[in-house]
Amino acid sequence: MKKEDGSILVLTILAVLILSILVTGLLNVGTTELYTTQNYHLSKVSHYTAVQGVEEIRDVLANNPDTEEFEEDSPRGGGLLGTNQGGGPTGTQTTEDGLTRYYITGTLENMEAGSTQKPQKFTGFPPPPIPGLPVGTEADIVPQVWLINITSKVKTGKRVSYTEIQVGIMSIIVID
């Protein structure tokens, strides 16, 4: 019996060691899944924040499709969403539920520089005909396609997600 003294202790220590290795592995899997879910959520919020910027620009173009709005000496400085004196955006940042959402007209480089980018006329090919437009009207109707870059940034704590969208928005300019 003296040879077996302490063998239960050794077996117990081995069992605890094996169980602790299994629990550590399961915790790693669990935290990895948690981080993956958080990153997926941030990327979706970032995408829909960029889409929100596209909708805002679409509304601006619907109300004022003239090119004078986008000239460098305009109050907006050539960008639709403008910048303030500190170089940051105006009216484009919202914070709720611990998420800070931010979008500009421009690329990620513009965002890092604190500037915006003005829309450009798309000249790749002529715009398509306007559906339902009667032929022989009194006013000249000119369709214009704008090429616009939107970049969004969503931040929560140390996690950040960026989305860049390039869209073409067609506006109609009526010349009397």
N, C-alpha and C. Protein backbone atom coordinates (compact mmCIF):
# COMPACT_ATOMS: atom_id res chain seq x y z
N MET A 1 0.79 -1.19 0.00
CA MET A 1 0.00 0.00 0.00
C MET A 1 0.84 1.27 0.00
N LYS A 2 2.04 1.19 0.50
CA LYS A 2 2.86 2.38 0.57
C LYS A 2 3.27 2.86 -0.82
N LYS A 3 3.35 1.96 -1.81
CA LYS A 3 3.71 2.38 -3.16
C LYS A 3 2.59 3.19 -3.81
N GLU A 4 1.37 3.02 -3.36
CA GLU A 4 0.24 3.73 -3.96
C GLU A 4 -0.07 5.03 -3.26
N ASP A 5 0.62 5.38 -2.20
CA ASP A 5 0.37 6.64 -1.52
C ASP A 5 0.69 7.80 -2.46
N GLY A 6 -0.26 8.71 -2.62
CA GLY A 6 -0.07 9.89 -3.46
C GLY A 6 -0.43 9.69 -4.91
N SER A 7 -0.77 8.50 -5.32
CA SER A 7 -1.13 8.28 -6.73
C SER A 7 -2.45 8.97 -7.06
N ILE A 8 -3.37 9.03 -6.13
CA ILE A 8 -4.65 9.72 -6.35
C ILE A 8 -4.38 11.21 -6.55
N LEU A 9 -3.45 11.76 -5.80
CA LEU A 9 -3.11 13.18 -5.94
C LEU A 9 -2.54 13.48 -7.33
N VAL A 10 -1.68 12.63 -7.82
CA VAL A 10 -1.10 12.81 -9.16
C VAL A 10 -2.20 12.72 -10.22
N LEU A 11 -3.09 11.74 -10.10
CA LEU A 11 -4.20 11.60 -11.06
C LEU A 11 -5.13 12.81 -11.00
N THR A 12 -5.38 13.32 -9.82
CA THR A 12 -6.25 14.50 -9.67
C THR A 12 -5.60 15.72 -10.32
N ILE A 13 -4.31 15.91 -10.12
CA ILE A 13 -3.60 17.04 -10.73
C ILE A 13 -3.63 16.92 -12.26
N LEU A 14 -3.43 15.73 -12.79
CA LEU A 14 -3.51 15.53 -14.24
C LEU A 14 -4.91 15.81 -14.77
N ALA A 15 -5.94 15.38 -14.06
CA ALA A 15 -7.33 15.63 -14.48
C ALA A 15 -7.63 17.13 -14.48
N VAL A 16 -7.19 17.84 -13.45
CA VAL A 16 -7.41 19.29 -13.38
C VAL A 16 -6.64 19.99 -14.50
N LEU A 17 -5.44 19.55 -14.80
CA LEU A 17 -4.65 20.13 -15.88
C LEU A 17 -5.35 19.95 -17.23
N ILE A 18 -5.84 18.75 -17.48
CA ILE A 18 -6.54 18.47 -18.74
C ILE A 18 -7.81 19.30 -18.85
N LEU A 19 -8.57 19.38 -17.77
CA LEU A 19 -9.80 20.18 -17.78
C LEU A 19 -9.51 21.67 -17.96
N SER A 20 -8.44 22.17 -17.34
CA SER A 20 -8.12 23.59 -17.50
C SER A 20 -7.70 23.90 -18.93
N ILE A 21 -7.00 22.98 -19.59
CA ILE A 21 -6.63 23.17 -21.00
C ILE A 21 -7.89 23.21 -21.87
N LEU A 22 -8.84 22.32 -21.61
CA LEU A 22 -10.10 22.32 -22.37
C LEU A 22 -10.90 23.59 -22.14
N VAL A 23 -10.98 24.03 -20.90
CA VAL A 23 -11.74 25.26 -20.60
C VAL A 23 -11.08 26.46 -21.25
N THR A 24 -9.76 26.55 -21.23
CA THR A 24 -9.04 27.65 -21.88
C THR A 24 -9.32 27.65 -23.38
N GLY A 25 -9.31 26.51 -24.00
CA GLY A 25 -9.62 26.41 -25.44
C GLY A 25 -11.03 26.86 -25.73
N LEU A 26 -12.00 26.45 -24.91
CA LEU A 26 -13.39 26.86 -25.11
C LEU A 26 -13.56 28.37 -24.91
N LEU A 27 -12.85 28.94 -23.96
CA LEU A 27 -12.93 30.39 -23.76
C LEU A 27 -12.35 31.14 -24.95
N ASN A 28 -11.27 30.63 -25.52
CA ASN A 28 -10.70 31.26 -26.72
C ASN A 28 -11.68 31.22 -27.87
N VAL A 29 -12.33 30.10 -28.08
CA VAL A 29 -13.33 29.99 -29.15
C VAL A 29 -14.47 30.96 -28.89
N GLY A 30 -14.92 31.05 -27.65
CA GLY A 30 -16.02 31.95 -27.31
C GLY A 30 -15.68 33.41 -27.53
N THR A 31 -14.49 33.84 -27.12
CA THR A 31 -14.11 35.24 -27.33
C THR A 31 -13.86 35.54 -28.80
N THR A 32 -13.34 34.57 -29.54
CA THR A 32 -13.16 34.77 -30.98
C THR A 32 -14.51 34.97 -31.67
N GLU A 33 -15.49 34.17 -31.29
CA GLU A 33 -16.84 34.32 -31.85
C GLU A 33 -17.43 35.68 -31.49
N LEU A 34 -17.20 36.12 -30.27
CA LEU A 34 -17.70 37.42 -29.82
C LEU A 34 -17.08 38.54 -30.65
N TYR A 35 -15.76 38.51 -30.85
CA TYR A 35 -15.09 39.54 -31.64
C TYR A 35 -15.53 39.49 -33.10
N THR A 36 -15.73 38.31 -33.62
CA THR A 36 -16.20 38.18 -35.00
C THR A 36 -17.59 38.80 -35.16
N THR A 37 -18.46 38.55 -34.22
CA THR A 37 -19.80 39.12 -34.26
C THR A 37 -19.76 40.64 -34.14
N GLN A 38 -18.92 41.16 -33.26
CA GLN A 38 -18.79 42.61 -33.11
C GLN A 38 -18.26 43.24 -34.39
N ASN A 39 -17.26 42.62 -35.01
CA ASN A 39 -16.71 43.15 -36.26
C ASN A 39 -17.75 43.13 -37.38
N TYR A 40 -18.52 42.06 -37.45
CA TYR A 40 -19.58 41.97 -38.46
C TYR A 40 -20.61 43.07 -38.25
N HIS A 41 -21.01 43.27 -37.00
CA HIS A 41 -21.98 44.33 -36.67
C HIS A 41 -21.44 45.70 -37.07
N LEU A 42 -20.18 45.97 -36.72
CA LEU A 42 -19.58 47.26 -37.08
C LEU A 42 -19.51 47.45 -38.59
N SER A 43 -19.17 46.41 -39.33
CA SER A 43 -19.09 46.55 -40.78
C SER A 43 -20.47 46.82 -41.38
N LYS A 44 -21.51 46.20 -40.84
CA LYS A 44 -22.87 46.46 -41.33
C LYS A 44 -23.31 47.88 -41.01
N VAL A 45 -23.03 48.34 -39.78
CA VAL A 45 -23.39 49.71 -39.40
C VAL A 45 -22.62 50.70 -40.27
N SER A 46 -21.36 50.43 -40.55
CA SER A 46 -20.56 51.30 -41.41
C SER A 46 -21.13 51.35 -42.82
N HIS A 47 -21.53 50.20 -43.34
CA HIS A 47 -22.13 50.17 -44.68
C HIS A 47 -23.40 51.00 -44.74
N TYR A 48 -24.28 50.82 -43.76
CA TYR A 48 -25.55 51.56 -43.78
C TYR A 48 -25.35 53.04 -43.47
N THR A 49 -24.28 53.39 -42.77
CA THR A 49 -23.96 54.81 -42.57
C THR A 49 -23.54 55.43 -43.90
N ALA A 50 -22.77 54.71 -44.70
CA ALA A 50 -22.40 55.20 -46.03
C ALA A 50 -23.63 55.32 -46.92
N VAL A 51 -24.53 54.38 -46.82
CA VAL A 51 -25.78 54.45 -47.60
C VAL A 51 -26.60 55.67 -47.16
N GLN A 52 -26.59 55.97 -45.88
CA GLN A 52 -27.27 57.17 -45.37
C GLN A 52 -26.67 58.42 -46.02
N GLY A 53 -25.33 58.46 -46.17
CA GLY A 53 -24.68 59.57 -46.85
C GLY A 53 -25.10 59.66 -48.30
N VAL A 54 -25.24 58.52 -48.97
CA VAL A 54 -25.70 58.51 -50.37
C VAL A 54 -27.10 59.10 -50.46
N GLU A 55 -27.97 58.73 -49.53
CA GLU A 55 -29.34 59.24 -49.54
C GLU A 55 -29.37 60.75 -49.30
N GLU A 56 -28.51 61.23 -48.40
CA GLU A 56 -28.45 62.67 -48.15
C GLU A 56 -27.99 63.41 -49.40
N ILE A 57 -27.00 62.88 -50.07
CA ILE A 57 -26.51 63.52 -51.30
C ILE A 57 -27.56 63.46 -52.40
N ARG A 58 -28.27 62.36 -52.48
CA ARG A 58 -29.35 62.24 -53.46
C ARG A 58 -30.40 63.32 -53.22
N ASP A 59 -30.72 63.57 -51.95
CA ASP A 59 -31.70 64.62 -51.62
C ASP A 59 -31.17 66.00 -51.99
N VAL A 60 -29.88 66.26 -51.72
CA VAL A 60 -29.30 67.55 -52.09
C VAL A 60 -29.34 67.74 -53.60
N LEU A 61 -29.00 66.70 -54.36
CA LEU A 61 -29.02 66.81 -55.82
C LEU A 61 -30.44 66.95 -56.36
N ALA A 62 -31.41 66.33 -55.69
CA ALA A 62 -32.80 66.45 -56.14
C ALA A 62 -33.30 67.87 -55.95
N ASN A 63 -32.85 68.54 -54.88
CA ASN A 63 -33.31 69.90 -54.60
C ASN A 63 -32.51 70.96 -55.35
N ASN A 64 -31.26 70.67 -55.69
CA ASN A 64 -30.42 71.65 -56.37
C ASN A 64 -29.44 70.92 -57.29
N PRO A 65 -29.87 70.55 -58.49
CA PRO A 65 -28.99 69.78 -59.38
C PRO A 65 -27.96 70.62 -60.12
N ASP A 66 -27.92 71.95 -59.85
CA ASP A 66 -27.01 72.82 -60.58
C ASP A 66 -25.57 72.61 -60.11
N THR A 67 -24.63 72.82 -61.00
CA THR A 67 -23.22 72.59 -60.68
C THR A 67 -22.62 73.69 -59.83
N GLU A 68 -23.25 74.86 -59.72
CA GLU A 68 -22.67 75.95 -58.94
C GLU A 68 -22.49 75.56 -57.48
N GLU A 69 -23.32 74.67 -56.99
CA GLU A 69 -23.23 74.22 -55.60
C GLU A 69 -21.91 73.54 -55.30
N PHE A 70 -21.27 72.99 -56.32
CA PHE A 70 -20.07 72.19 -56.10
C PHE A 70 -18.79 72.91 -56.49
N GLU A 71 -18.86 74.19 -56.77
CA GLU A 71 -17.66 74.93 -57.11
C GLU A 71 -16.80 75.13 -55.87
N GLU A 72 -15.50 75.30 -56.06
CA GLU A 72 -14.56 75.40 -54.95
C GLU A 72 -14.85 76.59 -54.04
N ASP A 73 -15.39 77.71 -54.60
CA ASP A 73 -15.61 78.90 -53.77
C ASP A 73 -17.00 78.91 -53.14
N SER A 74 -17.75 77.80 -53.24
CA SER A 74 -19.07 77.75 -52.60
C SER A 74 -18.89 77.62 -51.10
N PRO A 75 -19.94 77.92 -50.32
CA PRO A 75 -19.83 77.78 -48.87
C PRO A 75 -19.47 76.37 -48.43
N ARG A 76 -19.79 75.37 -49.24
CA ARG A 76 -19.48 73.99 -48.89
C ARG A 76 -18.06 73.62 -49.26
N GLY A 77 -17.35 74.48 -49.97
CA GLY A 77 -15.97 74.19 -50.35
C GLY A 77 -15.86 73.09 -51.38
N GLY A 78 -16.90 72.87 -52.16
CA GLY A 78 -16.85 71.87 -53.21
C GLY A 78 -17.35 70.50 -52.77
N GLY A 79 -17.52 70.28 -51.50
CA GLY A 79 -18.03 69.01 -51.02
C GLY A 79 -19.48 69.15 -50.58
N LEU A 80 -20.24 68.11 -50.69
CA LEU A 80 -21.64 68.20 -50.29
C LEU A 80 -21.83 68.23 -48.79
N LEU A 81 -20.95 67.62 -48.05
CA LEU A 81 -21.14 67.55 -46.61
C LEU A 81 -20.26 68.54 -45.87
N GLY A 82 -19.37 69.23 -46.55
CA GLY A 82 -18.60 70.31 -45.98
C GLY A 82 -17.70 69.95 -44.83
N THR A 83 -16.83 70.87 -44.45
CA THR A 83 -15.97 70.68 -43.30
C THR A 83 -16.03 71.93 -42.44
N ASN A 84 -15.75 71.79 -41.15
CA ASN A 84 -15.72 72.95 -40.29
C ASN A 84 -14.31 73.52 -40.24
N GLN A 85 -14.10 74.60 -39.46
CA GLN A 85 -12.80 75.26 -39.45
C GLN A 85 -11.70 74.36 -38.89
N GLY A 86 -12.05 73.40 -38.04
CA GLY A 86 -11.06 72.50 -37.48
C GLY A 86 -10.69 71.38 -38.42
N GLY A 87 -11.31 71.33 -39.59
CA GLY A 87 -11.00 70.28 -40.55
C GLY A 87 -11.91 69.08 -40.45
N GLY A 88 -12.77 69.05 -39.45
CA GLY A 88 -13.69 67.93 -39.28
C GLY A 88 -15.00 68.17 -40.00
N PRO A 89 -15.86 67.19 -40.03
CA PRO A 89 -17.12 67.34 -40.75
C PRO A 89 -18.13 68.13 -39.94
N THR A 90 -19.11 68.69 -40.62
CA THR A 90 -20.21 69.36 -39.94
C THR A 90 -21.49 68.60 -40.25
N GLY A 91 -22.23 68.27 -39.22
CA GLY A 91 -23.53 67.65 -39.40
C GLY A 91 -23.50 66.22 -39.89
N THR A 92 -22.38 65.55 -39.80
CA THR A 92 -22.31 64.19 -40.31
C THR A 92 -21.95 63.18 -39.24
N GLN A 93 -21.79 63.62 -38.01
CA GLN A 93 -21.36 62.70 -36.96
C GLN A 93 -22.50 62.51 -35.96
N THR A 94 -22.84 61.27 -35.70
CA THR A 94 -23.86 60.96 -34.70
C THR A 94 -23.31 59.92 -33.75
N THR A 95 -23.74 60.01 -32.50
CA THR A 95 -23.30 59.05 -31.50
C THR A 95 -24.53 58.54 -30.76
N GLU A 96 -24.68 57.23 -30.74
CA GLU A 96 -25.75 56.61 -29.95
C GLU A 96 -25.35 55.17 -29.69
N ASP A 97 -25.79 54.66 -28.58
CA ASP A 97 -25.50 53.28 -28.18
C ASP A 97 -23.99 52.99 -28.18
N GLY A 98 -23.18 54.00 -27.89
CA GLY A 98 -21.74 53.78 -27.85
C GLY A 98 -21.07 53.75 -29.21
N LEU A 99 -21.82 53.92 -30.29
CA LEU A 99 -21.28 53.93 -31.66
C LEU A 99 -21.19 55.36 -32.16
N THR A 100 -20.04 55.72 -32.73
CA THR A 100 -19.90 57.02 -33.37
C THR A 100 -19.90 56.78 -34.87
N ARG A 101 -20.89 57.37 -35.56
CA ARG A 101 -21.03 57.21 -37.01
C ARG A 101 -20.63 58.52 -37.67
N TYR A 102 -19.90 58.41 -38.78
CA TYR A 102 -19.35 59.59 -39.43
C TYR A 102 -19.20 59.30 -40.91
N TYR A 103 -19.61 60.23 -41.77
CA TYR A 103 -19.42 60.03 -43.21
C TYR A 103 -19.13 61.35 -43.90
N ILE A 104 -18.41 61.25 -45.01
CA ILE A 104 -18.04 62.42 -45.81
C ILE A 104 -18.19 62.09 -47.29
N THR A 105 -18.18 63.13 -48.12
CA THR A 105 -18.03 62.91 -49.55
C THR A 105 -16.53 62.89 -49.82
N GLY A 106 -16.04 61.77 -50.26
CA GLY A 106 -14.62 61.63 -50.53
C GLY A 106 -14.16 60.23 -50.19
N THR A 107 -12.87 60.04 -50.27
CA THR A 107 -12.27 58.74 -50.02
C THR A 107 -11.72 58.68 -48.60
N LEU A 108 -11.14 57.54 -48.25
CA LEU A 108 -10.53 57.38 -46.94
C LEU A 108 -9.37 58.36 -46.76
N GLU A 109 -8.66 58.64 -47.83
CA GLU A 109 -7.58 59.64 -47.76
C GLU A 109 -8.13 61.01 -47.40
N ASN A 110 -9.29 61.39 -47.98
CA ASN A 110 -9.91 62.65 -47.63
C ASN A 110 -10.33 62.66 -46.16
N MET A 111 -10.86 61.53 -45.69
CA MET A 111 -11.29 61.44 -44.30
C MET A 111 -10.11 61.63 -43.36
N GLU A 112 -8.99 60.99 -43.67
CA GLU A 112 -7.80 61.12 -42.83
C GLU A 112 -7.27 62.55 -42.85
N ALA A 113 -7.41 63.24 -43.99
CA ALA A 113 -6.93 64.62 -44.11
C ALA A 113 -7.93 65.63 -43.56
N GLY A 114 -9.16 65.19 -43.23
CA GLY A 114 -10.19 66.10 -42.72
C GLY A 114 -10.79 66.98 -43.79
N SER A 115 -10.82 66.51 -45.03
CA SER A 115 -11.38 67.29 -46.13
C SER A 115 -12.50 66.51 -46.80
N THR A 116 -13.15 67.16 -47.76
CA THR A 116 -14.17 66.48 -48.54
C THR A 116 -13.78 66.53 -50.01
N GLN A 117 -14.53 65.82 -50.82
CA GLN A 117 -14.25 65.76 -52.25
C GLN A 117 -15.52 66.17 -52.98
N LYS A 118 -15.40 67.06 -53.95
CA LYS A 118 -16.60 67.48 -54.66
C LYS A 118 -17.02 66.42 -55.67
N PRO A 119 -18.31 66.34 -55.93
CA PRO A 119 -18.79 65.40 -56.96
C PRO A 119 -18.23 65.78 -58.33
N GLN A 120 -18.06 64.78 -59.15
CA GLN A 120 -17.53 65.01 -60.50
C GLN A 120 -18.59 64.59 -61.51
N LYS A 121 -18.62 65.29 -62.62
CA LYS A 121 -19.53 64.89 -63.69
C LYS A 121 -19.00 63.60 -64.30
N PHE A 122 -19.88 62.65 -64.47
CA PHE A 122 -19.50 61.39 -65.10
C PHE A 122 -19.55 61.58 -66.61
N THR A 123 -18.44 61.29 -67.28
CA THR A 123 -18.37 61.50 -68.73
C THR A 123 -18.04 60.22 -69.48
N GLY A 124 -18.18 59.07 -68.82
CA GLY A 124 -17.82 57.80 -69.46
C GLY A 124 -18.69 57.48 -70.66
N PHE A 125 -19.97 57.78 -70.57
CA PHE A 125 -20.89 57.57 -71.67
C PHE A 125 -22.09 58.48 -71.43
N PRO A 126 -22.88 58.77 -72.47
CA PRO A 126 -24.01 59.68 -72.28
C PRO A 126 -25.06 59.04 -71.36
N PRO A 127 -25.74 59.88 -70.55
CA PRO A 127 -26.77 59.33 -69.66
C PRO A 127 -27.90 58.69 -70.47
N PRO A 128 -28.57 57.72 -69.89
CA PRO A 128 -29.68 57.08 -70.59
C PRO A 128 -30.85 58.04 -70.74
N PRO A 129 -31.74 57.77 -71.71
CA PRO A 129 -32.90 58.65 -71.87
C PRO A 129 -33.79 58.59 -70.63
N ILE A 130 -34.50 59.66 -70.38
CA ILE A 130 -35.36 59.76 -69.22
C ILE A 130 -36.69 59.07 -69.55
N PRO A 131 -37.08 58.07 -68.77
CA PRO A 131 -38.33 57.36 -69.08
C PRO A 131 -39.55 58.26 -68.92
N GLY A 132 -40.48 58.12 -69.83
CA GLY A 132 -41.74 58.86 -69.75
C GLY A 132 -41.65 60.31 -70.15
N LEU A 133 -40.55 60.74 -70.72
CA LEU A 133 -40.40 62.14 -71.10
C LEU A 133 -41.04 62.35 -72.47
N PRO A 134 -42.02 63.24 -72.56
CA PRO A 134 -42.65 63.48 -73.86
C PRO A 134 -41.68 64.17 -74.82
N VAL A 135 -41.74 63.78 -76.06
CA VAL A 135 -40.87 64.35 -77.08
C VAL A 135 -41.45 65.68 -77.53
N GLY A 136 -40.56 66.65 -77.77
CA GLY A 136 -40.99 67.95 -78.28
C GLY A 136 -41.49 68.88 -77.20
N THR A 137 -40.95 68.84 -76.01
CA THR A 137 -41.38 69.76 -74.95
C THR A 137 -40.76 71.12 -75.15
N GLU A 138 -41.33 72.13 -74.48
CA GLU A 138 -40.86 73.51 -74.61
C GLU A 138 -39.50 73.71 -73.95
N ALA A 139 -39.27 73.10 -72.79
CA ALA A 139 -38.02 73.30 -72.05
C ALA A 139 -37.00 72.24 -72.45
N ASP A 140 -35.76 72.62 -72.37
CA ASP A 140 -34.69 71.66 -72.60
C ASP A 140 -34.42 70.94 -71.29
N ILE A 141 -34.40 69.64 -71.33
CA ILE A 141 -34.14 68.85 -70.14
C ILE A 141 -32.83 68.11 -70.36
N VAL A 142 -31.89 68.35 -69.45
CA VAL A 142 -30.56 67.78 -69.58
C VAL A 142 -30.30 66.84 -68.41
N PRO A 143 -30.18 65.54 -68.66
CA PRO A 143 -29.80 64.64 -67.57
C PRO A 143 -28.30 64.74 -67.29
N GLN A 144 -27.95 64.69 -66.03
CA GLN A 144 -26.54 64.76 -65.63
C GLN A 144 -26.27 63.66 -64.62
N VAL A 145 -25.20 62.90 -64.83
CA VAL A 145 -24.81 61.85 -63.89
C VAL A 145 -23.61 62.35 -63.10
N TRP A 146 -23.72 62.26 -61.78
CA TRP A 146 -22.65 62.68 -60.88
C TRP A 146 -21.96 61.45 -60.33
N LEU A 147 -20.64 61.48 -60.31
CA LEU A 147 -19.84 60.41 -59.72
C LEU A 147 -19.41 60.88 -58.33
N ILE A 148 -19.84 60.16 -57.30
CA ILE A 148 -19.63 60.61 -55.93
C ILE A 148 -19.03 59.48 -55.11
N ASN A 149 -18.00 59.81 -54.32
CA ASN A 149 -17.42 58.87 -53.37
C ASN A 149 -17.95 59.20 -51.97
N ILE A 150 -18.36 58.18 -51.25
CA ILE A 150 -18.80 58.33 -49.87
C ILE A 150 -17.94 57.41 -49.02
N THR A 151 -17.43 57.93 -47.92
CA THR A 151 -16.66 57.12 -46.99
C THR A 151 -17.27 57.28 -45.60
N SER A 152 -17.50 56.16 -44.94
CA SER A 152 -18.05 56.21 -43.59
C SER A 152 -17.08 55.56 -42.62
N LYS A 153 -17.20 56.00 -41.38
CA LYS A 153 -16.36 55.46 -40.30
C LYS A 153 -17.27 55.25 -39.09
N VAL A 154 -17.21 54.06 -38.53
CA VAL A 154 -17.97 53.74 -37.33
C VAL A 154 -16.98 53.28 -36.28
N LYS A 155 -17.11 53.85 -35.09
CA LYS A 155 -16.15 53.55 -34.03
C LYS A 155 -16.89 53.26 -32.73
N THR A 156 -16.43 52.24 -32.04
CA THR A 156 -16.89 51.94 -30.70
C THR A 156 -15.69 51.45 -29.91
N GLY A 157 -15.34 52.18 -28.87
CA GLY A 157 -14.16 51.81 -28.10
C GLY A 157 -12.92 51.84 -28.98
N LYS A 158 -12.20 50.72 -29.04
CA LYS A 158 -11.00 50.63 -29.87
C LYS A 158 -11.29 50.07 -31.25
N ARG A 159 -12.49 49.62 -31.49
CA ARG A 159 -12.85 49.01 -32.78
C ARG A 159 -13.35 50.07 -33.75
N VAL A 160 -12.85 49.99 -35.00
CA VAL A 160 -13.21 50.94 -36.05
C VAL A 160 -13.50 50.17 -37.33
N SER A 161 -14.51 50.61 -38.06
CA SER A 161 -14.82 50.01 -39.36
C SER A 161 -15.03 51.13 -40.37
N TYR A 162 -14.49 50.95 -41.58
CA TYR A 162 -14.61 51.91 -42.66
C TYR A 162 -15.36 51.28 -43.83
N THR A 163 -16.11 52.10 -44.56
CA THR A 163 -16.74 51.66 -45.80
C THR A 163 -16.62 52.77 -46.81
N GLU A 164 -16.21 52.43 -48.02
CA GLU A 164 -16.18 53.38 -49.13
C GLU A 164 -17.17 52.91 -50.19
N ILE A 165 -17.99 53.84 -50.64
CA ILE A 165 -18.96 53.56 -51.70
C ILE A 165 -18.76 54.59 -52.80
N GLN A 166 -18.75 54.13 -54.04
CA GLN A 166 -18.71 55.03 -55.17
C GLN A 166 -20.03 54.86 -55.92
N VAL A 167 -20.76 55.96 -56.08
CA VAL A 167 -22.08 55.88 -56.70
C VAL A 167 -22.19 56.87 -57.85
N GLY A 168 -23.09 56.58 -58.73
CA GLY A 168 -23.48 57.51 -59.78
C GLY A 168 -24.92 57.91 -59.53
N ILE A 169 -25.16 59.20 -59.42
CA ILE A 169 -26.50 59.72 -59.16
C ILE A 169 -26.89 60.59 -60.34
N MET A 170 -28.06 60.30 -60.91
CA MET A 170 -28.52 61.06 -62.06
C MET A 170 -29.44 62.18 -61.59
N SER A 171 -29.14 63.40 -62.02
CA SER A 171 -30.02 64.52 -61.74
C SER A 171 -30.50 65.08 -63.07
N ILE A 172 -31.58 65.81 -63.02
CA ILE A 172 -32.18 66.37 -64.24
C ILE A 172 -32.15 67.89 -64.11
N ILE A 173 -31.53 68.52 -65.07
CA ILE A 173 -31.46 69.98 -65.09
C ILE A 173 -32.39 70.47 -66.18
N VAL A 174 -33.32 71.34 -65.81
CA VAL A 174 -34.27 71.89 -66.76
C VAL A 174 -33.80 73.30 -67.14
N ILE A 175 -33.59 73.53 -68.41
CA ILE A 175 -33.15 74.83 -68.91
C ILE A 175 -34.31 75.43 -69.68
N ASP A 176 -34.80 76.57 -69.22
CA ASP A 176 -35.94 77.23 -69.91
C ASP A 176 -35.46 78.09 -71.04
